[in-house]
Amino acid sequence: MFFENYVFGPLKYGLSDLSKLLKGGIIYAVSIFLLIIGIFLAVYPYTGANLHIFGTATNSLVFAVVALLSSVLGLGLLIVLNGYILKVIKLSLEKSVELPE
């Protein structure tokens, strides 16, 4: 009874629409990738290494701007995905059988 209610039931509900699961997984992977890139670019100028792009050493301001944009976009995607997850939880508490769009 425990496994039926708390393990197999939620798995069956979450896997009921694989296209939505795949879209959510892609959004999650992209947002984590953007956050990792943002962290890397924010820390990179302090490592002491010189990255040469187009024959000139890049400015740390460029790294800071790209890191900020990447992090904000990654966080935005995570916020959207968490909103969808909250909607799934709300609908499952209301005994809905379908995943939301």
PDB file of N, CA and C in Angstrom:
ATOM      1  N   MET A   1       0.816  -1.193   0.000  1.00  0.00           N
ATOM      2  CA  MET A   1       0.000   0.000   0.000  1.00  0.00           C
ATOM      3  C   MET A   1       0.860   1.258   0.000  1.00  0.00           C
ATOM      4  N   PHE A   2       1.933   1.253   0.799  1.00  0.00           N
ATOM      5  CA  PHE A   2       2.803   2.425   0.864  1.00  0.00           C
ATOM      6  C   PHE A   2       3.442   2.702  -0.492  1.00  0.00           C
ATOM      7  N   PHE A   3       4.001   1.649  -1.106  1.00  0.00           N
ATOM      8  CA  PHE A   3       4.674   1.838  -2.387  1.00  0.00           C
ATOM      9  C   PHE A   3       3.693   2.224  -3.484  1.00  0.00           C
ATOM     10  N   GLU A   4       2.498   1.707  -3.422  1.00  0.00           N
ATOM     11  CA  GLU A   4       1.485   2.045  -4.417  1.00  0.00           C
ATOM     12  C   GLU A   4       1.121   3.527  -4.348  1.00  0.00           C
ATOM     13  N   ASN A   5       0.961   4.056  -3.135  1.00  0.00           N
ATOM     14  CA  ASN A   5       0.525   5.448  -2.970  1.00  0.00           C
ATOM     15  C   ASN A   5       1.663   6.452  -3.126  1.00  0.00           C
ATOM     16  N   TYR A   6       2.841   6.112  -2.654  1.00  0.00           N
ATOM     17  CA  TYR A   6       3.903   7.117  -2.568  1.00  0.00           C
ATOM     18  C   TYR A   6       5.073   6.890  -3.514  1.00  0.00           C
ATOM     19  N   VAL A   7       5.124   5.769  -4.199  1.00  0.00           N
ATOM     20  CA  VAL A   7       6.219   5.524  -5.137  1.00  0.00           C
ATOM     21  C   VAL A   7       5.679   5.322  -6.550  1.00  0.00           C
ATOM     22  N   PHE A   8       4.857   4.299  -6.732  1.00  0.00           N
ATOM     23  CA  PHE A   8       4.396   3.966  -8.077  1.00  0.00           C
ATOM     24  C   PHE A   8       3.370   4.958  -8.612  1.00  0.00           C
ATOM     25  N   GLY A   9       2.495   5.464  -7.764  1.00  0.00           N
ATOM     26  CA  GLY A   9       1.495   6.445  -8.201  1.00  0.00           C
ATOM     27  C   GLY A   9       2.125   7.731  -8.709  1.00  0.00           C
ATOM     28  N   PRO A  10       3.013   8.368  -7.935  1.00  0.00           N
ATOM     29  CA  PRO A  10       3.661   9.575  -8.442  1.00  0.00           C
ATOM     30  C   PRO A  10       4.524   9.336  -9.681  1.00  0.00           C
ATOM     31  N   LEU A  11       5.178   8.178  -9.763  1.00  0.00           N
ATOM     32  CA  LEU A  11       5.962   7.878 -10.960  1.00  0.00           C
ATOM     33  C   LEU A  11       5.065   7.737 -12.183  1.00  0.00           C
ATOM     34  N   LYS A  12       3.945   7.074 -12.018  1.00  0.00           N
ATOM     35  CA  LYS A  12       3.012   6.907 -13.127  1.00  0.00           C
ATOM     36  C   LYS A  12       2.458   8.265 -13.560  1.00  0.00           C
ATOM     37  N   TYR A  13       2.166   9.133 -12.583  1.00  0.00           N
ATOM     38  CA  TYR A  13       1.653  10.477 -12.889  1.00  0.00           C
ATOM     39  C   TYR A  13       2.713  11.318 -13.602  1.00  0.00           C
ATOM     40  N   GLY A  14       3.959  11.286 -13.125  1.00  0.00           N
ATOM     41  CA  GLY A  14       5.018  12.087 -13.728  1.00  0.00           C
ATOM     42  C   GLY A  14       5.417  11.615 -15.109  1.00  0.00           C
ATOM     43  N   LEU A  15       5.301  10.329 -15.357  1.00  0.00           N
ATOM     44  CA  LEU A  15       5.683   9.781 -16.650  1.00  0.00           C
ATOM     45  C   LEU A  15       4.505   9.630 -17.608  1.00  0.00           C
ATOM     46  N   SER A  16       3.362  10.225 -17.265  1.00  0.00           N
ATOM     47  CA  SER A  16       2.173  10.087 -18.100  1.00  0.00           C
ATOM     48  C   SER A  16       2.313  10.804 -19.438  1.00  0.00           C
ATOM     49  N   ASP A  17       3.116  11.847 -19.504  1.00  0.00           N
ATOM     50  CA  ASP A  17       3.333  12.568 -20.764  1.00  0.00           C
ATOM     51  C   ASP A  17       4.833  12.796 -20.923  1.00  0.00           C
ATOM     52  N   LEU A  18       5.467  11.964 -21.744  1.00  0.00           N
ATOM     53  CA  LEU A  18       6.922  12.021 -21.882  1.00  0.00           C
ATOM     54  C   LEU A  18       7.402  13.282 -22.596  1.00  0.00           C
ATOM     55  N   SER A  19       6.574  13.876 -23.465  1.00  0.00           N
ATOM     56  CA  SER A  19       7.018  15.095 -24.153  1.00  0.00           C
ATOM     57  C   SER A  19       7.174  16.250 -23.161  1.00  0.00           C
ATOM     58  N   LYS A  20       6.274  16.357 -22.199  1.00  0.00           N
ATOM     59  CA  LYS A  20       6.389  17.405 -21.178  1.00  0.00           C
ATOM     60  C   LYS A  20       7.576  17.137 -20.264  1.00  0.00           C
ATOM     61  N   LEU A  21       7.823  15.874 -19.964  1.00  0.00           N
ATOM     62  CA  LEU A  21       8.977  15.508 -19.154  1.00  0.00           C
ATOM     63  C   LEU A  21      10.271  15.851 -19.883  1.00  0.00           C
ATOM     64  N   LEU A  22      10.326  15.582 -21.182  1.00  0.00           N
ATOM     65  CA  LEU A  22      11.520  15.890 -21.975  1.00  0.00           C
ATOM     66  C   LEU A  22      11.749  17.399 -22.073  1.00  0.00           C
ATOM     67  N   LYS A  23      10.673  18.163 -22.301  1.00  0.00           N
ATOM     68  CA  LYS A  23      10.805  19.627 -22.372  1.00  0.00           C
ATOM     69  C   LYS A  23      11.297  20.190 -21.042  1.00  0.00           C
ATOM     70  N   GLY A  24      10.750  19.710 -19.947  1.00  0.00           N
ATOM     71  CA  GLY A  24      11.186  20.169 -18.629  1.00  0.00           C
ATOM     72  C   GLY A  24      12.632  19.804 -18.356  1.00  0.00           C
ATOM     73  N   GLY A  25      13.032  18.602 -18.767  1.00  0.00           N
ATOM     74  CA  GLY A  25      14.420  18.185 -18.586  1.00  0.00           C
ATOM     75  C   GLY A  25      15.391  19.031 -19.386  1.00  0.00           C
ATOM     76  N   ILE A  26      15.000  19.391 -20.606  1.00  0.00           N
ATOM     77  CA  ILE A  26      15.858  20.247 -21.441  1.00  0.00           C
ATOM     78  C   ILE A  26      15.969  21.634 -20.836  1.00  0.00           C
ATOM     79  N   ILE A  27      14.862  22.194 -20.381  1.00  0.00           N
ATOM     80  CA  ILE A  27      14.894  23.521 -19.757  1.00  0.00           C
ATOM     81  C   ILE A  27      15.765  23.496 -18.510  1.00  0.00           C
ATOM     82  N   TYR A  28      15.638  22.443 -17.716  1.00  0.00           N
ATOM     83  CA  TYR A  28      16.436  22.316 -16.502  1.00  0.00           C
ATOM     84  C   TYR A  28      17.924  22.205 -16.842  1.00  0.00           C
ATOM     85  N   ALA A  29      18.272  21.393 -17.830  1.00  0.00           N
ATOM     86  CA  ALA A  29      19.673  21.221 -18.215  1.00  0.00           C
ATOM     87  C   ALA A  29      20.267  22.521 -18.749  1.00  0.00           C
ATOM     88  N   VAL A  30      19.508  23.256 -19.558  1.00  0.00           N
ATOM     89  CA  VAL A  30      20.002  24.526 -20.098  1.00  0.00           C
ATOM     90  C   VAL A  30      20.199  25.544 -18.982  1.00  0.00           C
ATOM     91  N   SER A  31      19.282  25.593 -18.039  1.00  0.00           N
ATOM     92  CA  SER A  31      19.408  26.576 -16.958  1.00  0.00           C
ATOM     93  C   SER A  31      20.604  26.256 -16.065  1.00  0.00           C
ATOM     94  N   ILE A  32      20.837  24.987 -15.758  1.00  0.00           N
ATOM     95  CA  ILE A  32      22.003  24.619 -14.959  1.00  0.00           C
ATOM     96  C   ILE A  32      23.281  24.910 -15.727  1.00  0.00           C
ATOM     97  N   PHE A  33      23.296  24.621 -17.044  1.00  0.00           N
ATOM     98  CA  PHE A  33      24.465  24.919 -17.863  1.00  0.00           C
ATOM     99  C   PHE A  33      24.767  26.416 -17.857  1.00  0.00           C
ATOM    100  N   LEU A  34      23.734  27.251 -17.998  1.00  0.00           N
ATOM    101  CA  LEU A  34      23.940  28.701 -17.982  1.00  0.00           C
ATOM    102  C   LEU A  34      24.453  29.180 -16.635  1.00  0.00           C
ATOM    103  N   LEU A  35      23.967  28.602 -15.562  1.00  0.00           N
ATOM    104  CA  LEU A  35      24.466  28.982 -14.239  1.00  0.00           C
ATOM    105  C   LEU A  35      25.932  28.582 -14.064  1.00  0.00           C
ATOM    106  N   ILE A  36      26.301  27.406 -14.542  1.00  0.00           N
ATOM    107  CA  ILE A  36      27.695  26.972 -14.441  1.00  0.00           C
ATOM    108  C   ILE A  36      28.596  27.868 -15.282  1.00  0.00           C
ATOM    109  N   ILE A  37      28.171  28.211 -16.482  1.00  0.00           N
ATOM    110  CA  ILE A  37      28.947  29.127 -17.332  1.00  0.00           C
ATOM    111  C   ILE A  37      29.076  30.482 -16.655  1.00  0.00           C
ATOM    112  N   GLY A  38      27.988  30.969 -16.057  1.00  0.00           N
ATOM    113  CA  GLY A  38      28.035  32.253 -15.358  1.00  0.00           C
ATOM    114  C   GLY A  38      29.019  32.240 -14.202  1.00  0.00           C
ATOM    115  N   ILE A  39      29.025  31.170 -13.429  1.00  0.00           N
ATOM    116  CA  ILE A  39      29.966  31.067 -12.306  1.00  0.00           C
ATOM    117  C   ILE A  39      31.399  30.988 -12.818  1.00  0.00           C
ATOM    118  N   PHE A  40      31.615  30.179 -13.853  1.00  0.00           N
ATOM    119  CA  PHE A  40      32.956  30.051 -14.419  1.00  0.00           C
ATOM    120  C   PHE A  40      33.473  31.389 -14.933  1.00  0.00           C
ATOM    121  N   LEU A  41      32.634  32.108 -15.657  1.00  0.00           N
ATOM    122  CA  LEU A  41      33.076  33.392 -16.210  1.00  0.00           C
ATOM    123  C   LEU A  41      33.250  34.455 -15.136  1.00  0.00           C
ATOM    124  N   ALA A  42      32.527  34.350 -14.050  1.00  0.00           N
ATOM    125  CA  ALA A  42      32.691  35.312 -12.963  1.00  0.00           C
ATOM    126  C   ALA A  42      34.002  35.076 -12.220  1.00  0.00           C
ATOM    127  N   VAL A  43      34.430  33.826 -12.129  1.00  0.00           N
ATOM    128  CA  VAL A  43      35.641  33.483 -11.380  1.00  0.00           C
ATOM    129  C   VAL A  43      36.888  33.525 -12.257  1.00  0.00           C
ATOM    130  N   TYR A  44      36.736  33.329 -13.567  1.00  0.00           N
ATOM    131  CA  TYR A  44      37.876  33.181 -14.469  1.00  0.00           C
ATOM    132  C   TYR A  44      38.876  34.345 -14.427  1.00  0.00           C
ATOM    133  N   PRO A  45      38.439  35.617 -14.409  1.00  0.00           N
ATOM    134  CA  PRO A  45      39.445  36.691 -14.393  1.00  0.00           C
ATOM    135  C   PRO A  45      40.350  36.673 -13.164  1.00  0.00           C
ATOM    136  N   TYR A  46      39.926  36.041 -12.090  1.00  0.00           N
ATOM    137  CA  TYR A  46      40.725  36.006 -10.867  1.00  0.00           C
ATOM    138  C   TYR A  46      41.700  34.828 -10.821  1.00  0.00           C
ATOM    139  N   THR A  47      41.708  33.998 -11.848  1.00  0.00           N
ATOM    140  CA  THR A  47      42.625  32.865 -11.874  1.00  0.00           C
ATOM    141  C   THR A  47      44.014  33.267 -12.338  1.00  0.00           C
ATOM    142  N   GLY A  48      44.150  34.420 -12.943  1.00  0.00           N
ATOM    143  CA  GLY A  48      45.448  34.886 -13.419  1.00  0.00           C
ATOM    144  C   GLY A  48      45.779  34.427 -14.823  1.00  0.00           C
ATOM    145  N   ALA A  49      44.930  33.629 -15.443  1.00  0.00           N
ATOM    146  CA  ALA A  49      45.176  33.162 -16.806  1.00  0.00           C
ATOM    147  C   ALA A  49      44.685  34.206 -17.794  1.00  0.00           C
ATOM    148  N   ASN A  50      45.380  34.335 -18.912  1.00  0.00           N
ATOM    149  CA  ASN A  50      44.979  35.268 -19.965  1.00  0.00           C
ATOM    150  C   ASN A  50      44.355  34.477 -21.101  1.00  0.00           C
ATOM    151  N   LEU A  51      43.106  34.770 -21.389  1.00  0.00           N
ATOM    152  CA  LEU A  51      42.419  34.124 -22.494  1.00  0.00           C
ATOM    153  C   LEU A  51      42.504  35.063 -23.689  1.00  0.00           C
ATOM    154  N   HIS A  52      43.097  34.597 -24.770  1.00  0.00           N
ATOM    155  CA  HIS A  52      43.269  35.433 -25.961  1.00  0.00           C
ATOM    156  C   HIS A  52      42.207  35.082 -26.987  1.00  0.00           C
ATOM    157  N   ILE A  53      41.354  36.060 -27.259  1.00  0.00           N
ATOM    158  CA  ILE A  53      40.329  35.908 -28.285  1.00  0.00           C
ATOM    159  C   ILE A  53      40.598  36.974 -29.335  1.00  0.00           C
ATOM    160  N   PHE A  54      40.709  36.570 -30.563  1.00  0.00           N
ATOM    161  CA  PHE A  54      41.006  37.450 -31.686  1.00  0.00           C
ATOM    162  C   PHE A  54      42.343  38.156 -31.499  1.00  0.00           C
ATOM    163  N   GLY A  55      43.290  37.518 -30.854  1.00  0.00           N
ATOM    164  CA  GLY A  55      44.642  38.039 -30.738  1.00  0.00           C
ATOM    165  C   GLY A  55      44.861  39.024 -29.607  1.00  0.00           C
ATOM    166  N   THR A  56      43.838  39.398 -28.847  1.00  0.00           N
ATOM    167  CA  THR A  56      44.012  40.342 -27.747  1.00  0.00           C
ATOM    168  C   THR A  56      43.513  39.712 -26.452  1.00  0.00           C
ATOM    169  N   ALA A  57      44.086  40.144 -25.362  1.00  0.00           N
ATOM    170  CA  ALA A  57      43.624  39.659 -24.058  1.00  0.00           C
ATOM    171  C   ALA A  57      42.257  40.277 -23.767  1.00  0.00           C
ATOM    172  N   THR A  58      41.324  39.458 -23.301  1.00  0.00           N
ATOM    173  CA  THR A  58      39.975  39.958 -23.043  1.00  0.00           C
ATOM    174  C   THR A  58      39.923  40.720 -21.728  1.00  0.00           C
ATOM    175  N   ASN A  59      39.020  41.622 -21.661  1.00  0.00           N
ATOM    176  CA  ASN A  59      38.824  42.460 -20.491  1.00  0.00           C
ATOM    177  C   ASN A  59      37.948  41.725 -19.471  1.00  0.00           C
ATOM    178  N   SER A  60      38.230  41.910 -18.206  1.00  0.00           N
ATOM    179  CA  SER A  60      37.426  41.235 -17.179  1.00  0.00           C
ATOM    180  C   SER A  60      36.000  41.778 -17.140  1.00  0.00           C
ATOM    181  N   LEU A  61      35.776  42.984 -17.656  1.00  0.00           N
ATOM    182  CA  LEU A  61      34.418  43.525 -17.716  1.00  0.00           C
ATOM    183  C   LEU A  61      33.543  42.704 -18.657  1.00  0.00           C
ATOM    184  N   VAL A  62      34.130  42.225 -19.756  1.00  0.00           N
ATOM    185  CA  VAL A  62      33.375  41.387 -20.686  1.00  0.00           C
ATOM    186  C   VAL A  62      32.938  40.104 -19.979  1.00  0.00           C
ATOM    187  N   PHE A  63      33.863  39.504 -19.214  1.00  0.00           N
ATOM    188  CA  PHE A  63      33.511  38.300 -18.471  1.00  0.00           C
ATOM    189  C   PHE A  63      32.412  38.588 -17.459  1.00  0.00           C
ATOM    190  N   ALA A  64      32.482  39.731 -16.801  1.00  0.00           N
ATOM    191  CA  ALA A  64      31.484  40.071 -15.791  1.00  0.00           C
ATOM    192  C   ALA A  64      30.104  40.252 -16.415  1.00  0.00           C
ATOM    193  N   VAL A  65      30.028  40.922 -17.561  1.00  0.00           N
ATOM    194  CA  VAL A  65      28.735  41.156 -18.210  1.00  0.00           C
ATOM    195  C   VAL A  65      28.142  39.845 -18.712  1.00  0.00           C
ATOM    196  N   VAL A  66      28.957  39.029 -19.373  1.00  0.00           N
ATOM    197  CA  VAL A  66      28.458  37.756 -19.890  1.00  0.00           C
ATOM    198  C   VAL A  66      28.071  36.826 -18.738  1.00  0.00           C
ATOM    199  N   ALA A  67      28.848  36.841 -17.653  1.00  0.00           N
ATOM    200  CA  ALA A  67      28.522  36.019 -16.488  1.00  0.00           C
ATOM    201  C   ALA A  67      27.199  36.460 -15.876  1.00  0.00           C
ATOM    202  N   LEU A  68      26.977  37.759 -15.779  1.00  0.00           N
ATOM    203  CA  LEU A  68      25.729  38.265 -15.215  1.00  0.00           C
ATOM    204  C   LEU A  68      24.536  37.885 -16.090  1.00  0.00           C
ATOM    205  N   LEU A  69      24.663  38.081 -17.397  1.00  0.00           N
ATOM    206  CA  LEU A  69      23.567  37.743 -18.294  1.00  0.00           C
ATOM    207  C   LEU A  69      23.266  36.245 -18.278  1.00  0.00           C
ATOM    208  N   SER A  70      24.311  35.443 -18.291  1.00  0.00           N
ATOM    209  CA  SER A  70      24.131  33.998 -18.262  1.00  0.00           C
ATOM    210  C   SER A  70      23.465  33.551 -16.962  1.00  0.00           C
ATOM    211  N   SER A  71      23.900  34.098 -15.850  1.00  0.00           N
ATOM    212  CA  SER A  71      23.320  33.720 -14.556  1.00  0.00           C
ATOM    213  C   SER A  71      21.863  34.166 -14.439  1.00  0.00           C
ATOM    214  N   VAL A  72      21.552  35.361 -14.898  1.00  0.00           N
ATOM    215  CA  VAL A  72      20.177  35.858 -14.819  1.00  0.00           C
ATOM    216  C   VAL A  72      19.254  35.021 -15.702  1.00  0.00           C
ATOM    217  N   LEU A  73      19.717  34.668 -16.897  1.00  0.00           N
ATOM    218  CA  LEU A  73      18.909  33.838 -17.781  1.00  0.00           C
ATOM    219  C   LEU A  73      18.713  32.441 -17.189  1.00  0.00           C
ATOM    220  N   GLY A  74      19.762  31.876 -16.621  1.00  0.00           N
ATOM    221  CA  GLY A  74      19.655  30.564 -15.980  1.00  0.00           C
ATOM    222  C   GLY A  74      18.704  30.584 -14.797  1.00  0.00           C
ATOM    223  N   LEU A  75      18.798  31.622 -13.965  1.00  0.00           N
ATOM    224  CA  LEU A  75      17.885  31.734 -12.823  1.00  0.00           C
ATOM    225  C   LEU A  75      16.445  31.945 -13.281  1.00  0.00           C
ATOM    226  N   GLY A  76      16.266  32.719 -14.349  1.00  0.00           N
ATOM    227  CA  GLY A  76      14.922  32.936 -14.884  1.00  0.00           C
ATOM    228  C   GLY A  76      14.286  31.637 -15.352  1.00  0.00           C
ATOM    229  N   LEU A  77      15.074  30.821 -16.047  1.00  0.00           N
ATOM    230  CA  LEU A  77      14.554  29.525 -16.493  1.00  0.00           C
ATOM    231  C   LEU A  77      14.223  28.615 -15.314  1.00  0.00           C
ATOM    232  N   LEU A  78      15.050  28.652 -14.277  1.00  0.00           N
ATOM    233  CA  LEU A  78      14.761  27.839 -13.091  1.00  0.00           C
ATOM    234  C   LEU A  78      13.500  28.308 -12.385  1.00  0.00           C
ATOM    235  N   ILE A  79      13.259  29.606 -12.351  1.00  0.00           N
ATOM    236  CA  ILE A  79      12.047  30.141 -11.726  1.00  0.00           C
ATOM    237  C   ILE A  79      10.812  29.681 -12.504  1.00  0.00           C
ATOM    238  N   VAL A  80      10.892  29.732 -13.836  1.00  0.00           N
ATOM    239  CA  VAL A  80       9.772  29.267 -14.662  1.00  0.00           C
ATOM    240  C   VAL A  80       9.516  27.782 -14.434  1.00  0.00           C
ATOM    241  N   LEU A  81      10.578  26.998 -14.393  1.00  0.00           N
ATOM    242  CA  LEU A  81      10.427  25.562 -14.182  1.00  0.00           C
ATOM    243  C   LEU A  81       9.872  25.252 -12.793  1.00  0.00           C
ATOM    244  N   ASN A  82      10.305  25.986 -11.788  1.00  0.00           N
ATOM    245  CA  ASN A  82       9.762  25.780 -10.441  1.00  0.00           C
ATOM    246  C   ASN A  82       8.294  26.169 -10.364  1.00  0.00           C
ATOM    247  N   GLY A  83       7.890  27.189 -11.108  1.00  0.00           N
ATOM    248  CA  GLY A  83       6.477  27.550 -11.174  1.00  0.00           C
ATOM    249  C   GLY A  83       5.642  26.428 -11.770  1.00  0.00           C
ATOM    250  N   TYR A  84       6.177  25.781 -12.806  1.00  0.00           N
ATOM    251  CA  TYR A  84       5.470  24.642 -13.404  1.00  0.00           C
ATOM    252  C   TYR A  84       5.367  23.494 -12.406  1.00  0.00           C
ATOM    253  N   ILE A  85       6.443  23.243 -11.675  1.00  0.00           N
ATOM    254  CA  ILE A  85       6.433  22.160 -10.690  1.00  0.00           C
ATOM    255  C   ILE A  85       5.406  22.446  -9.592  1.00  0.00           C
ATOM    256  N   LEU A  86       5.309  23.705  -9.157  1.00  0.00           N
ATOM    257  CA  LEU A  86       4.295  24.056  -8.161  1.00  0.00           C
ATOM    258  C   LEU A  86       2.877  23.859  -8.704  1.00  0.00           C
ATOM    259  N   LYS A  87       2.695  24.152  -9.993  1.00  0.00           N
ATOM    260  CA  LYS A  87       1.381  23.940 -10.597  1.00  0.00           C
ATOM    261  C   LYS A  87       1.055  22.444 -10.664  1.00  0.00           C
ATOM    262  N   VAL A  88       2.053  21.621 -10.964  1.00  0.00           N
ATOM    263  CA  VAL A  88       1.850  20.168 -10.965  1.00  0.00           C
ATOM    264  C   VAL A  88       1.460  19.691  -9.579  1.00  0.00           C
ATOM    265  N   ILE A  89       2.127  20.204  -8.551  1.00  0.00           N
ATOM    266  CA  ILE A  89       1.802  19.810  -7.173  1.00  0.00           C
ATOM    267  C   ILE A  89       0.381  20.232  -6.814  1.00  0.00           C
ATOM    268  N   LYS A  90       0.018  21.450  -7.191  1.00  0.00           N
ATOM    269  CA  LYS A  90      -1.325  21.937  -6.880  1.00  0.00           C
ATOM    270  C   LYS A  90      -2.390  21.085  -7.567  1.00  0.00           C
ATOM    271  N   LEU A  91      -2.180  20.764  -8.842  1.00  0.00           N
ATOM    272  CA  LEU A  91      -3.164  19.960  -9.554  1.00  0.00           C
ATOM    273  C   LEU A  91      -3.217  18.529  -9.040  1.00  0.00           C
ATOM    274  N   SER A  92      -2.075  18.008  -8.600  1.00  0.00           N
ATOM    275  CA  SER A  92      -2.096  16.641  -8.069  1.00  0.00           C
ATOM    276  C   SER A  92      -2.821  16.591  -6.723  1.00  0.00           C
ATOM    277  N   LEU A  93      -2.740  17.662  -5.949  1.00  0.00           N
ATOM    278  CA  LEU A  93      -3.495  17.713  -4.696  1.00  0.00           C
ATOM    279  C   LEU A  93      -4.991  17.812  -4.946  1.00  0.00           C
ATOM    280  N   GLU A  94      -5.357  18.369  -6.109  1.00  0.00           N
ATOM    281  CA  GLU A  94      -6.768  18.467  -6.488  1.00  0.00           C
ATOM    282  C   GLU A  94      -7.233  17.219  -7.222  1.00  0.00           C
ATOM    283  N   LYS A  95      -6.399  16.178  -7.201  1.00  0.00           N
ATOM    284  CA  LYS A  95      -6.724  14.867  -7.812  1.00  0.00           C
ATOM    285  C   LYS A  95      -6.852  14.944  -9.322  1.00  0.00           C
ATOM    286  N   SER A  96      -6.111  15.844  -9.974  1.00  0.00           N
ATOM    287  CA  SER A  96      -6.108  15.913 -11.425  1.00  0.00           C
ATOM    288  C   SER A  96      -5.277  14.754 -11.985  1.00  0.00           C
ATOM    289  N   VAL A  97      -5.676  14.230 -13.130  1.00  0.00           N
ATOM    290  CA  VAL A  97      -4.998  13.085 -13.707  1.00  0.00           C
ATOM    291  C   VAL A  97      -4.004  13.509 -14.795  1.00  0.00           C
ATOM    292  N   GLU A  98      -4.165  14.706 -15.370  1.00  0.00           N
ATOM    293  CA  GLU A  98      -3.306  15.167 -16.464  1.00  0.00           C
ATOM    294  C   GLU A  98      -2.281  16.175 -15.971  1.00  0.00           C
ATOM    295  N   LEU A  99      -1.137  16.186 -16.652  1.00  0.00           N
ATOM    296  CA  LEU A  99      -0.131  17.203 -16.367  1.00  0.00           C
ATOM    297  C   LEU A  99      -0.534  18.508 -17.045  1.00  0.00           C
ATOM    298  N   PRO A 100      -0.249  19.670 -16.435  1.00  0.00           N
ATOM    299  CA  PRO A 100      -0.614  20.946 -17.062  1.00  0.00           C
ATOM    300  C   PRO A 100       0.269  21.248 -18.273  1.00  0.00           C
ATOM    301  N   GLU A 101      -0.216  22.135 -19.122  1.00  0.00           N
ATOM    302  CA  GLU A 101       0.552  22.550 -20.301  1.00  0.00           C
ATOM    303  C   GLU A 101       1.741  23.386 -19.911  1.00  0.00           C
TER     304      GLU A 101
END
